[in-house]
Structure formats: C-alpha cells, structure tokens
Amino acid sequence: MMVHKAMSRLKPEYRQVLWLCFFEGFSNEEIAQIMGKTKRQVENLVYRSKRSLKILLDKEGFRYEELS
C-alpha cells in the first residue's frame, strides 16, 4: 500500500515508466515505443523515477525487507 501511495505522488511520467517496467514487465525498448521516447530517455526516466520513489518512501518511514 505504501508503494502505491508513494507512486501516486510521483510525476505522471515517472509513475507511468515505473508501472510499465515493474508491474507490466515491459522492456525498455517496448516502453520507449509506448511513451514515444528513445531507449536512453527511458533508462534515464527509470533511474530518476526509482530515486524519487525511494526518497518518498524514506520520508514516509518505509522499512525495506532484507534479502538473504
């Protein structure tokens, strides 16, 4: 729930690229076609979107699960 709440506070373009990448499973090439961008622009968007999402989650006190 916290992830979806934080995602709703992202810029629409950030929210879209994260949704397509992580929830729909599209490749960067496919996302580039859908969004009308280059693959490099999508790579940059994914990076910036993930960073923004992490900042929002940290502010809300989200606890990350440790992977073993």
Protein backbone atom coordinates (compact mmCIF):
# COMPACT_ATOMS: atom_id res chain seq x y z
CA MET A 1 0.00 0.00 0.00
CA MET A 2 2.80 2.41 0.86
CA VAL A 3 4.44 1.89 -2.53
CA HIS A 4 1.22 2.61 -4.41
CA LYS A 5 0.53 5.66 -2.23
CA ALA A 6 4.04 6.99 -2.85
CA MET A 7 3.76 6.27 -6.57
CA SER A 8 0.59 8.34 -6.76
CA ARG A 9 2.65 11.32 -5.60
CA LEU A 10 5.23 10.97 -8.38
CA LYS A 11 5.18 12.95 -11.61
CA PRO A 12 2.83 11.24 -14.10
CA GLU A 13 5.73 10.37 -16.41
CA TYR A 14 7.67 8.76 -13.53
CA ARG A 15 4.61 6.82 -12.43
CA GLN A 16 3.97 5.59 -15.97
CA VAL A 17 7.51 4.39 -16.60
CA LEU A 18 7.68 2.53 -13.26
CA TRP A 19 4.28 0.93 -13.86
CA LEU A 20 5.22 -0.26 -17.34
CA CYS A 21 8.59 -1.54 -16.18
CA PHE A 22 7.83 -3.26 -12.89
CA PHE A 23 4.11 -4.07 -12.92
CA GLU A 24 3.57 -4.77 -16.63
CA GLY A 25 7.04 -6.22 -17.30
CA PHE A 26 7.79 -4.31 -20.50
CA SER A 27 11.39 -3.94 -21.68
CA ASN A 28 12.98 -0.51 -22.04
CA GLU A 29 12.63 -0.81 -25.82
CA GLU A 30 8.91 -1.53 -25.52
CA ILE A 31 8.43 1.31 -23.03
CA ALA A 32 10.24 3.67 -25.40
CA GLN A 33 7.77 2.78 -28.16
CA ILE A 34 4.75 3.17 -25.86
CA MET A 35 5.91 6.52 -24.47
CA GLY A 36 7.35 7.90 -27.72
CA LYS A 37 10.86 8.21 -26.31
CA THR A 38 14.29 6.81 -27.04
CA LYS A 39 15.63 3.83 -25.12
CA ARG A 40 18.19 6.13 -23.47
CA GLN A 41 15.45 8.54 -22.33
CA VAL A 42 13.57 5.62 -20.80
CA GLU A 43 16.70 4.42 -18.99
CA ASN A 44 17.15 7.90 -17.52
CA LEU A 45 13.46 8.08 -16.58
CA VAL A 46 13.59 4.72 -14.81
CA TYR A 47 16.67 5.81 -12.85
CA ARG A 48 15.16 9.16 -11.81
CA SER A 49 11.78 7.60 -11.06
CA LYS A 50 13.25 4.93 -8.79
CA ARG A 51 15.33 7.55 -6.99
CA SER A 52 12.27 9.78 -6.46
CA LEU A 53 10.19 6.86 -5.24
CA LYS A 54 12.88 5.85 -2.76
CA ILE A 55 13.05 9.41 -1.39
CA LEU A 56 9.28 9.46 -0.89
CA LEU A 57 9.27 6.05 0.78
CA ASP A 58 12.14 7.03 3.08
CA LYS A 59 10.24 10.17 4.14
CA GLU A 60 7.21 8.02 5.00
CA GLY A 61 9.30 5.64 7.10
CA PHE A 62 9.06 2.65 4.77
CA ARG A 63 11.10 -0.33 6.01
CA TYR A 64 12.87 -2.36 3.36
CA GLU A 65 12.95 -6.13 3.67
CA GLU A 66 16.42 -7.63 3.77
CA LEU A 67 17.14 -10.27 1.19
CA SER A 68 19.06 -13.33 2.35
